[in-house]
C-alpha atoms as a PDB file:
ATOM      1  CA  MET A   1     -11.150  14.515  10.833  1.00  0.00           C
ATOM      2  CA  SER A   2     -12.343  11.395  12.584  1.00  0.00           C
ATOM      3  CA  PHE A   3     -11.028   7.963  11.659  1.00  0.00           C
ATOM      4  CA  LEU A   4     -14.385   7.133  10.093  1.00  0.00           C
ATOM      5  CA  GLU A   5     -14.206  10.269   7.929  1.00  0.00           C
ATOM      6  CA  LEU A   6     -10.667   9.338   6.901  1.00  0.00           C
ATOM      7  CA  ALA A   7     -11.705   5.780   5.991  1.00  0.00           C
ATOM      8  CA  GLN A   8     -14.613   7.193   3.966  1.00  0.00           C
ATOM      9  CA  LYS A   9     -12.323   9.709   2.208  1.00  0.00           C
ATOM     10  CA  ARG A  10      -9.624   7.234   1.106  1.00  0.00           C
ATOM     11  CA  ARG A  11      -9.902   5.972  -2.458  1.00  0.00           C
ATOM     12  CA  SER A  12      -7.645   4.051  -4.828  1.00  0.00           C
ATOM     13  CA  LEU A  13      -6.539   6.673  -7.334  1.00  0.00           C
ATOM     14  CA  ARG A  14      -5.063   6.168 -10.776  1.00  0.00           C
ATOM     15  CA  SER A  15      -4.576   9.788 -11.897  1.00  0.00           C
ATOM     16  CA  TYR A  16      -2.058  12.110 -10.270  1.00  0.00           C
ATOM     17  CA  LEU A  17      -0.843  15.674 -10.609  1.00  0.00           C
ATOM     18  CA  PRO A  18       2.875  16.101 -11.347  1.00  0.00           C
ATOM     19  CA  ASP A  19       3.310  18.254  -8.216  1.00  0.00           C
ATOM     20  CA  PRO A  20       6.096  17.006  -5.931  1.00  0.00           C
ATOM     21  CA  VAL A  21       5.261  15.595  -2.499  1.00  0.00           C
ATOM     22  CA  GLU A  22       6.764  17.682   0.273  1.00  0.00           C
ATOM     23  CA  GLN A  23       9.501  15.909   2.241  1.00  0.00           C
ATOM     24  CA  GLU A  24       7.606  16.520   5.495  1.00  0.00           C
ATOM     25  CA  LYS A  25       4.520  14.732   4.164  1.00  0.00           C
ATOM     26  CA  LEU A  26       6.589  11.820   2.866  1.00  0.00           C
ATOM     27  CA  GLU A  27       8.319  11.476   6.236  1.00  0.00           C
ATOM     28  CA  TYR A  28       4.951  11.659   8.008  1.00  0.00           C
ATOM     29  CA  VAL A  29       3.374   8.813   6.017  1.00  0.00           C
ATOM     30  CA  LEU A  30       6.514   6.687   6.411  1.00  0.00           C
ATOM     31  CA  GLU A  31       6.544   7.345  10.168  1.00  0.00           C
ATOM     32  CA  CYS A  32       2.904   6.260  10.392  1.00  0.00           C
ATOM     33  CA  ALA A  33       3.812   3.054   8.522  1.00  0.00           C
ATOM     34  CA  ARG A  34       6.784   2.475  10.834  1.00  0.00           C
ATOM     35  CA  LEU A  35       4.466   2.557  13.855  1.00  0.00           C
ATOM     36  CA  ALA A  36       2.161  -0.211  12.577  1.00  0.00           C
ATOM     37  CA  PRO A  37       1.657  -3.230  14.834  1.00  0.00           C
ATOM     38  CA  SER A  38       3.371  -6.511  13.996  1.00  0.00           C
ATOM     39  CA  TRP A  39       3.563 -10.135  15.153  1.00  0.00           C
ATOM     40  CA  LYS A  40       5.895 -10.257  18.172  1.00  0.00           C
ATOM     41  CA  ASN A  41       6.930  -6.687  17.233  1.00  0.00           C
ATOM     42  CA  LEU A  42       9.277  -8.129  14.574  1.00  0.00           C
ATOM     43  CA  GLN A  43       8.561  -5.299  12.080  1.00  0.00           C
ATOM     44  CA  CYS A  44       9.343  -7.348   8.979  1.00  0.00           C
ATOM     45  CA  TRP A  45       8.504  -4.620   6.466  1.00  0.00           C
ATOM     46  CA  ARG A  46      10.788  -2.389   4.421  1.00  0.00           C
ATOM     47  CA  PHE A  47       9.869   0.456   2.081  1.00  0.00           C
ATOM     48  CA  ILE A  48      11.701   1.668  -0.995  1.00  0.00           C
ATOM     49  CA  VAL A  49      10.778   5.190  -2.113  1.00  0.00           C
ATOM     50  CA  VAL A  50      11.313   5.644  -5.846  1.00  0.00           C
ATOM     51  CA  GLU A  51      11.399   9.208  -7.109  1.00  0.00           C
ATOM     52  CA  ASP A  52      13.678   8.980 -10.158  1.00  0.00           C
ATOM     53  CA  GLU A  53      11.568   9.178 -13.344  1.00  0.00           C
ATOM     54  CA  ALA A  54      13.723   6.705 -15.281  1.00  0.00           C
ATOM     55  CA  LEU A  55      13.481   4.178 -12.459  1.00  0.00           C
ATOM     56  CA  ARG A  56       9.710   4.674 -12.235  1.00  0.00           C
ATOM     57  CA  GLN A  57       9.485   4.095 -15.995  1.00  0.00           C
ATOM     58  CA  GLU A  58      11.540   0.922 -15.647  1.00  0.00           C
ATOM     59  CA  LEU A  59       9.245  -0.351 -12.882  1.00  0.00           C
ATOM     60  CA  THR A  60       6.294  -0.239 -15.280  1.00  0.00           C
ATOM     61  CA  THR A  61       7.985  -3.002 -17.305  1.00  0.00           C
ATOM     62  CA  ALA A  62       7.104  -5.352 -14.436  1.00  0.00           C
ATOM     63  CA  TYR A  63       3.422  -4.842 -15.327  1.00  0.00           C
ATOM     64  CA  ALA A  64       1.337  -6.318 -18.120  1.00  0.00           C
ATOM     65  CA  GLU A  65       0.733  -3.825 -20.946  1.00  0.00           C
ATOM     66  CA  THR A  66      -2.975  -3.803 -20.120  1.00  0.00           C
ATOM     67  CA  ASN A  67      -2.555  -3.146 -16.377  1.00  0.00           C
ATOM     68  CA  PRO A  68      -4.068   0.295 -15.623  1.00  0.00           C
ATOM     69  CA  GLY A  69      -1.652   0.663 -12.696  1.00  0.00           C
ATOM     70  CA  ARG A  70       1.198   1.428 -15.111  1.00  0.00           C
ATOM     71  CA  LYS A  71      -0.116   4.913 -15.890  1.00  0.00           C
ATOM     72  CA  ALA A  72      -0.463   5.811 -12.219  1.00  0.00           C
ATOM     73  CA  LEU A  73       3.153   4.831 -11.522  1.00  0.00           C
ATOM     74  CA  LEU A  74       4.326   7.253 -14.187  1.00  0.00           C
ATOM     75  CA  GLN A  75       2.029  10.127 -13.246  1.00  0.00           C
ATOM     76  CA  ALA A  76       2.683  10.172  -9.520  1.00  0.00           C
ATOM     77  CA  PRO A  77       5.945  11.798  -8.444  1.00  0.00           C
ATOM     78  CA  LEU A  78       6.751   8.910  -6.087  1.00  0.00           C
ATOM     79  CA  ILE A  79       6.325   5.164  -5.907  1.00  0.00           C
ATOM     80  CA  VAL A  80       6.502   3.421  -2.566  1.00  0.00           C
ATOM     81  CA  VAL A  81       7.459  -0.253  -2.793  1.00  0.00           C
ATOM     82  CA  LEU A  82       6.553  -2.534   0.100  1.00  0.00           C
ATOM     83  CA  CYS A  83       8.922  -5.394   0.877  1.00  0.00           C
ATOM     84  CA  GLY A  84       8.777  -8.101   3.523  1.00  0.00           C
ATOM     85  CA  VAL A  85      11.603  -9.994   5.177  1.00  0.00           C
ATOM     86  CA  PRO A  86      10.382 -13.575   5.832  1.00  0.00           C
ATOM     87  CA  ALA A  87      13.221 -14.238   8.315  1.00  0.00           C
ATOM     88  CA  GLU A  88      11.839 -11.397  10.459  1.00  0.00           C
ATOM     89  CA  SER A  89       8.401 -12.956  10.752  1.00  0.00           C
ATOM     90  CA  GLU A  90       6.752 -16.326  11.277  1.00  0.00           C
ATOM     91  CA  ILE A  91       4.095 -18.624   9.957  1.00  0.00           C
ATOM     92  CA  TRP A  92       2.045 -19.936  12.856  1.00  0.00           C
ATOM     93  CA  GLU A  93      -0.812 -22.425  12.447  1.00  0.00           C
ATOM     94  CA  GLY A  94      -0.741 -21.743   8.712  1.00  0.00           C
ATOM     95  CA  LYS A  95      -1.040 -17.975   9.132  1.00  0.00           C
ATOM     96  CA  ASP A  96       1.644 -15.972   7.323  1.00  0.00           C
ATOM     97  CA  TYR A  97       2.321 -13.063   9.640  1.00  0.00           C
ATOM     98  CA  MET A  98       4.746 -11.380   7.219  1.00  0.00           C
ATOM     99  CA  MET A  99       1.883 -10.728   4.812  1.00  0.00           C
ATOM    100  CA  LEU A 100      -0.392  -9.511   7.584  1.00  0.00           C
ATOM    101  CA  ASP A 101       2.230  -7.302   9.213  1.00  0.00           C
ATOM    102  CA  ALA A 102       3.440  -5.781   5.950  1.00  0.00           C
ATOM    103  CA  GLY A 103      -0.190  -5.197   4.978  1.00  0.00           C
ATOM    104  CA  LEU A 104      -0.822  -3.346   8.229  1.00  0.00           C
ATOM    105  CA  ALA A 105       2.205  -1.124   7.623  1.00  0.00           C
ATOM    106  CA  MET A 106       1.055  -0.374   4.052  1.00  0.00           C
ATOM    107  CA  GLU A 107      -2.467   0.393   5.256  1.00  0.00           C
ATOM    108  CA  HIS A 108      -1.064   2.808   7.839  1.00  0.00           C
ATOM    109  CA  LEU A 109       0.893   4.495   5.028  1.00  0.00           C
ATOM    110  CA  ILE A 110      -2.140   4.687   2.732  1.00  0.00           C
ATOM    111  CA  LEU A 111      -4.423   6.126   5.405  1.00  0.00           C
ATOM    112  CA  ALA A 112      -1.782   8.634   6.515  1.00  0.00           C
ATOM    113  CA  ALA A 113      -1.382   9.692   2.882  1.00  0.00           C
ATOM    114  CA  ALA A 114      -5.140  10.291   2.589  1.00  0.00           C
ATOM    115  CA  GLU A 115      -5.037  12.351   5.781  1.00  0.00           C
ATOM    116  CA  GLN A 116      -2.304  14.492   4.193  1.00  0.00           C
ATOM    117  CA  GLY A 117      -4.342  15.031   1.003  1.00  0.00           C
ATOM    118  CA  LEU A 118      -2.255  12.550  -0.991  1.00  0.00           C
ATOM    119  CA  GLY A 119      -3.496   9.746  -3.198  1.00  0.00           C
ATOM    120  CA  THR A 120      -2.426   6.102  -3.385  1.00  0.00           C
ATOM    121  CA  CYS A 121      -3.420   2.890  -5.132  1.00  0.00           C
ATOM    122  CA  TRP A 122      -2.328  -0.430  -3.607  1.00  0.00           C
ATOM    123  CA  GLN A 123      -0.917  -2.529  -6.460  1.00  0.00           C
ATOM    124  CA  GLY A 124       0.174  -6.140  -6.420  1.00  0.00           C
ATOM    125  CA  LEU A 125      -0.181  -7.420 -10.003  1.00  0.00           C
ATOM    126  CA  PHE A 126       3.430  -7.184 -11.149  1.00  0.00           C
ATOM    127  CA  ALA A 127       6.339  -9.510 -11.841  1.00  0.00           C
ATOM    128  CA  GLU A 128       8.093  -9.672  -8.473  1.00  0.00           C
ATOM    129  CA  ASP A 129      11.401 -10.926  -9.906  1.00  0.00           C
ATOM    130  CA  LYS A 130      11.509  -8.017 -12.357  1.00  0.00           C
ATOM    131  CA  VAL A 131      10.916  -5.465  -9.573  1.00  0.00           C
ATOM    132  CA  ARG A 132      13.512  -7.232  -7.414  1.00  0.00           C
ATOM    133  CA  GLU A 133      16.045  -6.947 -10.246  1.00  0.00           C
ATOM    134  CA  ILE A 134      15.288  -3.279 -11.007  1.00  0.00           C
ATOM    135  CA  LEU A 135      15.485  -2.181  -7.366  1.00  0.00           C
ATOM    136  CA  LYS A 136      18.308  -4.567  -6.381  1.00  0.00           C
ATOM    137  CA  VAL A 137      16.188  -6.244  -3.688  1.00  0.00           C
ATOM    138  CA  PRO A 138      17.988  -9.250  -2.138  1.00  0.00           C
ATOM    139  CA  GLU A 139      16.675 -12.753  -2.910  1.00  0.00           C
ATOM    140  CA  ASN A 140      15.744 -13.321   0.746  1.00  0.00           C
ATOM    141  CA  VAL A 141      13.297 -10.376   0.656  1.00  0.00           C
ATOM    142  CA  ARG A 142       9.822 -10.436  -0.927  1.00  0.00           C
ATOM    143  CA  VAL A 143       8.451  -7.551  -2.991  1.00  0.00           C
ATOM    144  CA  LEU A 144       4.824  -7.486  -1.853  1.00  0.00           C
ATOM    145  CA  ALA A 145       3.133  -4.355  -3.176  1.00  0.00           C
ATOM    146  CA  MET A 146       3.598  -0.907  -4.625  1.00  0.00           C
ATOM    147  CA  THR A 147       1.662   2.320  -4.531  1.00  0.00           C
ATOM    148  CA  PRO A 148       1.986   5.544  -6.440  1.00  0.00           C
ATOM    149  CA  LEU A 149       2.066   8.482  -4.023  1.00  0.00           C
ATOM    150  CA  GLY A 150       1.100  11.977  -5.054  1.00  0.00           C
ATOM    151  CA  TYR A 151      -1.602  14.592  -5.270  1.00  0.00           C
ATOM    152  CA  PRO A 152      -4.846  13.331  -6.819  1.00  0.00           C
ATOM    153  CA  ALA A 153      -5.838  14.585 -10.257  1.00  0.00           C
ATOM    154  CA  GLU A 154      -9.314  13.099  -9.801  1.00  0.00           C
ATOM    155  CA  GLU A 155     -12.027  12.666  -7.227  1.00  0.00           C
ATOM    156  CA  ARG A 156     -13.584   9.258  -6.971  1.00  0.00           C
ATOM    157  CA  LYS A 157     -17.015   8.466  -5.639  1.00  0.00           C
ATOM    158  CA  PRO A 158     -17.430   5.933  -2.854  1.00  0.00           C
ATOM    159  CA  ARG A 159     -17.635   2.327  -3.966  1.00  0.00           C
ATOM    160  CA  PRO A 160     -20.451   0.136  -2.699  1.00  0.00           C
ATOM    161  CA  ARG A 161     -19.719  -1.692   0.530  1.00  0.00           C
ATOM    162  CA  LYS A 162     -21.407  -4.761   1.988  1.00  0.00           C
ATOM    163  CA  GLU A 163     -24.014  -4.198   4.649  1.00  0.00           C
ATOM    164  CA  MET A 164     -22.914  -4.659   8.262  1.00  0.00           C
ATOM    165  CA  SER A 165     -25.272  -7.649   8.584  1.00  0.00           C
ATOM    166  CA  GLN A 166     -23.291  -9.421   5.840  1.00  0.00           C
ATOM    167  CA  ILE A 167     -19.920  -9.142   7.583  1.00  0.00           C
ATOM    168  CA  VAL A 168     -20.532  -9.067  11.350  1.00  0.00           C
ATOM    169  CA  PHE A 169     -21.959 -11.918  13.432  1.00  0.00           C
ATOM    170  CA  LYS A 170     -22.720 -11.817  17.128  1.00  0.00           C
ATOM    171  CA  GLY A 171     -21.483 -14.736  19.221  1.00  0.00           C
ATOM    172  CA  THR A 172     -21.231 -17.388  16.518  1.00  0.00           C
ATOM    173  CA  TRP A 173     -20.816 -17.571  12.743  1.00  0.00           C
ATOM    174  CA  GLY A 174     -24.027 -16.775  10.892  1.00  0.00           C
ATOM    175  CA  SER A 175     -25.926 -15.459  13.912  1.00  0.00           C
ATOM    176  CA  GLY A 176     -27.533 -12.013  14.010  1.00  0.00           C
ATOM    177  CA  ASN A 177     -25.178  -9.107  13.621  1.00  0.00           C
ATOM    178  CA  ALA A 178     -23.730  -7.104  16.475  1.00  0.00           C
END
């Protein structure tokens, strides 16, 4: 499939089948994430793959009771936790490259998962200190995001997107689109 088809196919999913993810597919999506670009090639990201059901259950305690992401973490056979190492990145002119670089790596992972027929849902509304404690993440490392990873139990329709003319300018801000 083309990249455009892949981007159109990818959805944030909250319902998963209990079927295990094949090791080859897991390694593939992690390899795609590993190859993401980064500021000065510093590669500040780290991933923790959580398969153990008890540990996945414990991770849900870092979420508010009303957070719909909790259910997805329990249904999917895997959770991938994205971490960033600030000492392996920089802030330049107020731009935090750790967040950008880690985000690029996670996006590579999420798109590779969609290509492999797997579902994901980027999640960031959790208590970072609680996740750090559960997964024994060092204090000098940030826990940035999580995603369930597994086979979708649902199909989701495309969400509305802004028109190209609303997001692309030609030459200068606010001018006609490209």
